[in-house]
Protein backbone atom coordinates (compact mmCIF):
# COMPACT_ATOMS: atom_id res chain seq x y z
CA MET A 1 -42.52 21.18 42.16
CA SER A 2 -40.43 23.95 43.63
CA PHE A 3 -37.66 25.63 41.70
CA ARG A 4 -35.14 24.31 44.23
CA SER A 5 -36.36 20.72 43.75
CA LEU A 6 -36.26 21.06 39.96
CA PHE A 7 -32.77 22.52 40.13
CA PHE A 8 -31.62 19.60 42.31
CA ILE A 9 -33.06 17.03 39.88
CA LEU A 10 -31.37 18.73 36.91
CA LEU A 11 -28.09 18.91 38.81
CA VAL A 12 -28.22 15.19 39.60
CA ALA A 13 -29.12 14.37 35.98
CA VAL A 14 -26.28 16.48 34.60
CA GLY A 15 -23.88 14.99 37.13
CA PHE A 16 -24.95 11.47 36.18
CA SER A 17 -24.52 12.21 32.46
CA PHE A 18 -21.11 13.77 33.05
CA THR A 19 -20.01 10.77 35.12
CA THR A 20 -21.25 8.37 32.45
CA LEU A 21 -19.47 10.26 29.66
CA THR A 22 -16.29 10.42 31.72
CA CYS A 23 -16.40 6.67 32.35
CA MET A 24 -17.01 6.02 28.64
CA ALA A 25 -14.09 8.28 27.71
CA ASP A 26 -11.84 6.48 30.18
CA GLU A 27 -12.97 3.09 28.82
CA LYS A 28 -12.31 4.19 25.23
CA SER A 29 -8.86 5.50 26.14
CA ASP A 30 -8.05 2.21 27.86
CA LEU A 31 -9.30 0.16 24.89
CA LEU A 32 -7.39 2.34 22.42
CA ALA A 33 -4.18 1.87 24.39
CA LYS A 34 -4.68 -1.89 24.51
CA ALA A 35 -5.57 -2.00 20.81
CA LYS A 36 -2.41 -0.07 19.92
CA ILE A 37 -0.25 -2.53 21.85
CA ALA A 38 -1.97 -5.47 20.15
CA VAL A 39 -1.53 -3.87 16.71
CA ASP A 40 2.15 -3.19 17.35
CA GLN A 41 2.59 -6.82 18.41
CA ARG A 42 0.56 -8.00 15.39
CA ASP A 43 -1.78 -9.77 17.81
CA CYS A 44 -4.67 -9.58 15.37
CA ASP A 45 -7.27 -11.47 17.39
CA SER A 46 -6.79 -9.36 20.53
CA ALA A 47 -6.75 -6.14 18.49
CA ILE A 48 -9.99 -7.12 16.75
CA GLU A 49 -11.58 -7.80 20.13
CA TYR A 50 -10.63 -4.32 21.36
CA PHE A 51 -11.80 -2.68 18.14
CA ASP A 52 -15.12 -4.55 18.43
CA LYS A 53 -15.68 -2.98 21.84
CA LEU A 54 -14.67 0.46 20.58
CA ILE A 55 -17.16 0.21 17.73
CA LYS A 56 -19.91 -0.65 20.23
CA LEU A 57 -18.94 2.52 22.11
CA GLY A 58 -19.48 4.52 18.92
CA ASP A 59 -15.84 4.93 17.80
CA ILE A 60 -16.24 4.80 14.01
CA ASP A 61 -12.48 5.08 13.42
CA ALA A 62 -12.16 1.62 14.98
CA TYR A 63 -13.56 0.19 11.73
CA GLU A 64 -10.31 1.17 10.02
CA GLY A 65 -8.17 -0.47 12.69
CA ARG A 66 -10.25 -3.63 12.64
CA GLY A 67 -10.21 -3.68 8.85
CA PHE A 68 -6.41 -3.53 8.86
CA MET A 69 -6.25 -6.44 11.31
CA TYR A 70 -8.57 -8.48 9.11
CA LEU A 71 -6.26 -7.65 6.19
CA LEU A 72 -3.26 -9.00 8.11
CA LYS A 73 -5.27 -12.16 8.83
CA LYS A 74 -6.02 -12.37 5.09
CA ASP A 75 -9.72 -12.25 5.88
CA TYR A 76 -10.26 -9.95 2.94
CA ASP A 77 -14.06 -9.95 2.85
CA LYS A 78 -14.33 -8.78 6.47
CA ALA A 79 -11.64 -6.16 5.84
CA ILE A 80 -13.53 -4.87 2.82
CA SER A 81 -16.77 -4.79 4.83
CA ASP A 82 -15.17 -2.60 7.49
CA TYR A 83 -13.70 -0.18 4.96
CA CYS A 84 -17.08 -0.03 3.19
CA LYS A 85 -18.80 0.95 6.45
CA LEU A 86 -16.26 3.68 7.13
CA ILE A 87 -16.42 4.98 3.55
CA GLU A 88 -20.20 5.29 3.89
CA ILE A 89 -19.70 7.47 6.97
CA LYS A 90 -16.76 9.65 5.91
CA PRO A 91 -15.45 8.94 2.39
CA ASN A 92 -11.96 10.23 1.65
CA SER A 93 -9.00 9.54 -0.62
CA GLU A 94 -7.05 7.53 1.95
CA LEU A 95 -9.90 5.11 2.65
CA PHE A 96 -10.42 4.38 -1.04
CA GLU A 97 -6.67 3.76 -1.31
CA ASP A 98 -6.80 1.42 1.69
CA ARG A 99 -9.75 -0.54 0.32
CA GLY A 100 -7.98 -0.70 -3.03
CA ASP A 101 -5.01 -2.26 -1.24
CA VAL A 102 -7.31 -4.93 0.20
CA TYR A 103 -8.70 -5.72 -3.25
CA LEU A 104 -5.09 -5.89 -4.48
CA GLN A 105 -4.23 -8.45 -1.80
CA LYS A 106 -7.42 -10.35 -2.56
CA GLY A 107 -6.42 -10.58 -6.22
CA ASP A 108 -9.20 -8.44 -7.66
CA PRO A 109 -7.44 -5.94 -9.95
CA VAL A 110 -10.68 -4.58 -11.42
CA LYS A 111 -12.09 -3.52 -8.04
CA SER A 112 -8.66 -2.34 -6.98
CA VAL A 113 -8.37 -0.06 -10.03
CA GLU A 114 -11.84 1.35 -9.31
CA ASP A 115 -10.87 2.32 -5.76
CA TYR A 116 -7.46 3.68 -6.73
CA SER A 117 -9.13 5.77 -9.44
CA GLU A 118 -11.56 7.26 -6.92
CA SER A 119 -8.68 7.93 -4.54
CA ILE A 120 -6.79 9.75 -7.31
CA ARG A 121 -9.92 11.72 -8.26
CA ARG A 122 -10.14 12.99 -4.70
CA ASN A 123 -6.39 13.60 -4.33
CA PRO A 124 -4.52 13.75 -7.66
CA GLY A 125 -1.24 14.58 -5.92
CA ASN A 126 -0.77 11.22 -4.19
CA GLY A 127 1.94 9.59 -6.27
CA ARG A 128 1.80 6.31 -4.34
CA VAL A 129 -1.67 5.53 -5.66
CA TYR A 130 -0.52 5.94 -9.27
CA VAL A 131 2.11 3.25 -8.63
CA SER A 132 -0.47 0.92 -7.08
CA ARG A 133 -2.91 1.47 -9.94
CA ALA A 134 -0.16 0.98 -12.52
CA LEU A 135 0.65 -2.42 -11.03
CA GLN A 136 -3.01 -3.42 -11.27
CA TYR A 137 -3.29 -2.12 -14.83
CA SER A 138 -0.33 -4.30 -15.76
CA LYS A 139 -2.12 -7.34 -14.33
CA LEU A 140 -5.05 -6.47 -16.59
CA ASN A 141 -2.64 -6.18 -19.55
CA SER A 142 -3.53 -2.48 -19.84
CA PHE A 143 0.09 -1.52 -20.38
CA GLY A 144 -0.66 1.85 -21.96
CA SER A 145 -2.57 2.95 -18.86
CA ALA A 146 0.15 1.47 -16.64
CA LEU A 147 2.80 3.54 -18.43
CA ILE A 148 0.78 6.72 -17.99
CA ASP A 149 0.47 6.05 -14.27
CA CYS A 150 4.19 5.25 -13.95
CA ASN A 151 5.01 8.55 -15.65
CA MET A 152 2.71 10.45 -13.27
CA ALA A 153 4.16 8.69 -10.23
CA ILE A 154 7.73 9.47 -11.28
CA LEU A 155 6.81 13.11 -11.91
CA ILE A 156 5.18 13.48 -8.48
CA LEU A 157 7.57 11.38 -6.39
CA SER A 158 10.96 12.35 -7.81
CA ASP A 159 11.57 14.98 -5.12
CA ASP A 160 9.92 13.08 -2.26
CA SER A 161 12.64 11.31 -0.26
CA LYS A 162 10.04 9.53 1.89
CA SER A 163 8.52 7.79 -1.14
CA ARG A 164 11.67 6.24 -2.58
CA PRO A 165 10.29 2.66 -2.49
CA PHE A 166 7.30 3.76 -4.59
CA LEU A 167 9.55 5.66 -6.99
CA GLU A 168 11.72 2.56 -7.28
CA ALA A 169 8.63 0.48 -8.07
CA ALA A 170 7.47 2.97 -10.72
CA TYR A 171 10.82 2.86 -12.54
CA GLY A 172 10.99 -0.92 -12.18
CA LEU A 173 7.50 -1.49 -13.60
CA ARG A 174 8.05 0.98 -16.43
CA GLY A 175 11.35 -0.71 -17.25
CA SER A 176 9.64 -4.10 -17.42
CA ILE A 177 6.94 -2.73 -19.73
CA PHE A 178 9.56 -1.16 -22.01
CA SER A 179 11.46 -4.45 -22.03
CA SER A 180 8.32 -6.39 -23.02
CA GLN A 181 7.88 -3.91 -25.89
CA ASN A 182 11.51 -4.47 -27.00
CA LYS A 183 12.37 -0.88 -26.06
CA TYR A 184 15.59 -2.02 -24.46
CA ASP A 185 17.35 1.35 -24.33
CA ASN A 186 14.45 2.80 -22.34
CA ALA A 187 14.33 -0.29 -20.13
CA TYR A 188 18.07 0.01 -19.47
CA ASP A 189 17.64 3.63 -18.32
CA ASP A 190 14.78 2.72 -15.97
CA TYR A 191 16.56 -0.25 -14.40
CA SER A 192 19.59 2.00 -13.94
CA LYS A 193 17.33 4.42 -12.04
CA VAL A 194 16.18 1.58 -9.79
CA ILE A 195 19.82 0.72 -9.06
CA GLU A 196 20.57 4.38 -8.35
CA ILE A 197 17.73 4.47 -5.80
CA ASN A 198 18.46 1.05 -4.32
CA PRO A 199 21.97 -0.29 -5.10
CA SER A 200 21.23 -3.53 -3.24
CA LYS A 201 18.30 -4.45 -5.50
CA TYR A 202 19.68 -7.59 -7.10
CA GLU A 203 16.56 -7.99 -9.29
CA ALA A 204 17.38 -4.69 -11.03
CA PHE A 205 20.90 -5.86 -11.87
CA HIS A 206 19.46 -9.15 -13.08
CA LEU A 207 16.89 -7.46 -15.32
CA ARG A 208 19.37 -4.90 -16.62
CA GLY A 209 21.69 -7.81 -17.37
CA TRP A 210 19.04 -9.35 -19.59
CA VAL A 211 18.46 -6.00 -21.31
CA CYS A 212 22.18 -5.74 -22.03
CA PHE A 213 22.03 -9.32 -23.28
CA ARG A 214 19.32 -8.31 -25.75
CA LEU A 215 21.33 -5.26 -26.77
CA GLU A 216 24.30 -7.57 -27.36
CA GLU A 217 26.35 -5.64 -24.84
CA TYR A 218 27.73 -8.82 -23.34
CA ASP A 219 30.44 -7.36 -21.10
CA LYS A 220 27.87 -5.15 -19.37
CA SER A 221 25.48 -8.08 -19.19
CA ILE A 222 28.07 -10.31 -17.50
CA SER A 223 28.96 -7.53 -15.07
CA ASP A 224 25.30 -7.05 -14.07
CA PHE A 225 24.70 -10.78 -13.63
CA GLN A 226 27.83 -11.06 -11.51
CA THR A 227 26.62 -8.22 -9.30
CA ALA A 228 23.20 -9.86 -9.02
CA LEU A 229 24.88 -13.08 -7.91
CA LYS A 230 26.98 -11.28 -5.32
CA LEU A 231 23.86 -9.68 -3.91
CA ASN A 232 21.88 -12.94 -4.11
CA PRO A 233 23.92 -16.13 -4.61
CA LYS A 234 20.64 -18.04 -5.08
CA ASP A 235 19.87 -16.17 -8.31
CA TYR A 236 20.24 -19.39 -10.28
CA ILE A 237 18.90 -17.96 -13.55
CA ALA A 238 21.88 -15.63 -13.77
CA TYR A 239 24.16 -18.68 -13.64
CA GLY A 240 22.48 -20.18 -16.69
CA VAL A 241 23.06 -17.43 -19.25
CA ASP A 242 24.12 -18.95 -22.56
CA TYR A 243 25.67 -16.25 -24.71
CA GLY A 244 26.22 -18.72 -27.50
CA SER A 245 22.46 -18.97 -28.03
CA VAL A 246 22.01 -15.30 -28.92
CA SER A 247 20.49 -14.92 -32.35
């Protein structure tokens, strides 16, 4: 075979490969765009279909998108399977956090704690995960561990304006733990922090009202219950406070 013939064959082969890769890239771009629209519209079935095709084209990141759609559909086992596949390929803190969230939704606090712990090991500065793990510890009645995580979350998130909901949750959970331990002064301070972060949180006024009730600070208790009722007129429990029954 002449050099010219060999060169021509190689040129055709390279051109064919380039054309194929270009077509695949265009197809992936088109599927990604369609998947994004479906995700934004919470059209889970269509999004899953697009992510299926992307996975067949070798897009491993599509496992994460499909896993999230399965989570929204409450198909937790399939969501976990997708996150497991992606973790096998490129394990990182965020993926362990995401899989922990799925276990949380599934109602498996033990597995959730395991994943959150691995996420924290890989990235100790993520305050959100401490909050999530603290909530799961509380479900396991491991209140000492939950308090430690709440303290860490508050320390990390106090200056992060973008994480206010997580900071609010950390103070709220810690306040509830203190209240269950009859540490009402500490609980009062934490519920007050929740109110400072989110003044429309009627639950915080309600809970602080009960703390004041236990502290026999009845005027403050009435004031908090009244605020809770203004924020949520359906807060029937606040209507039923019987101050005459305090022992």
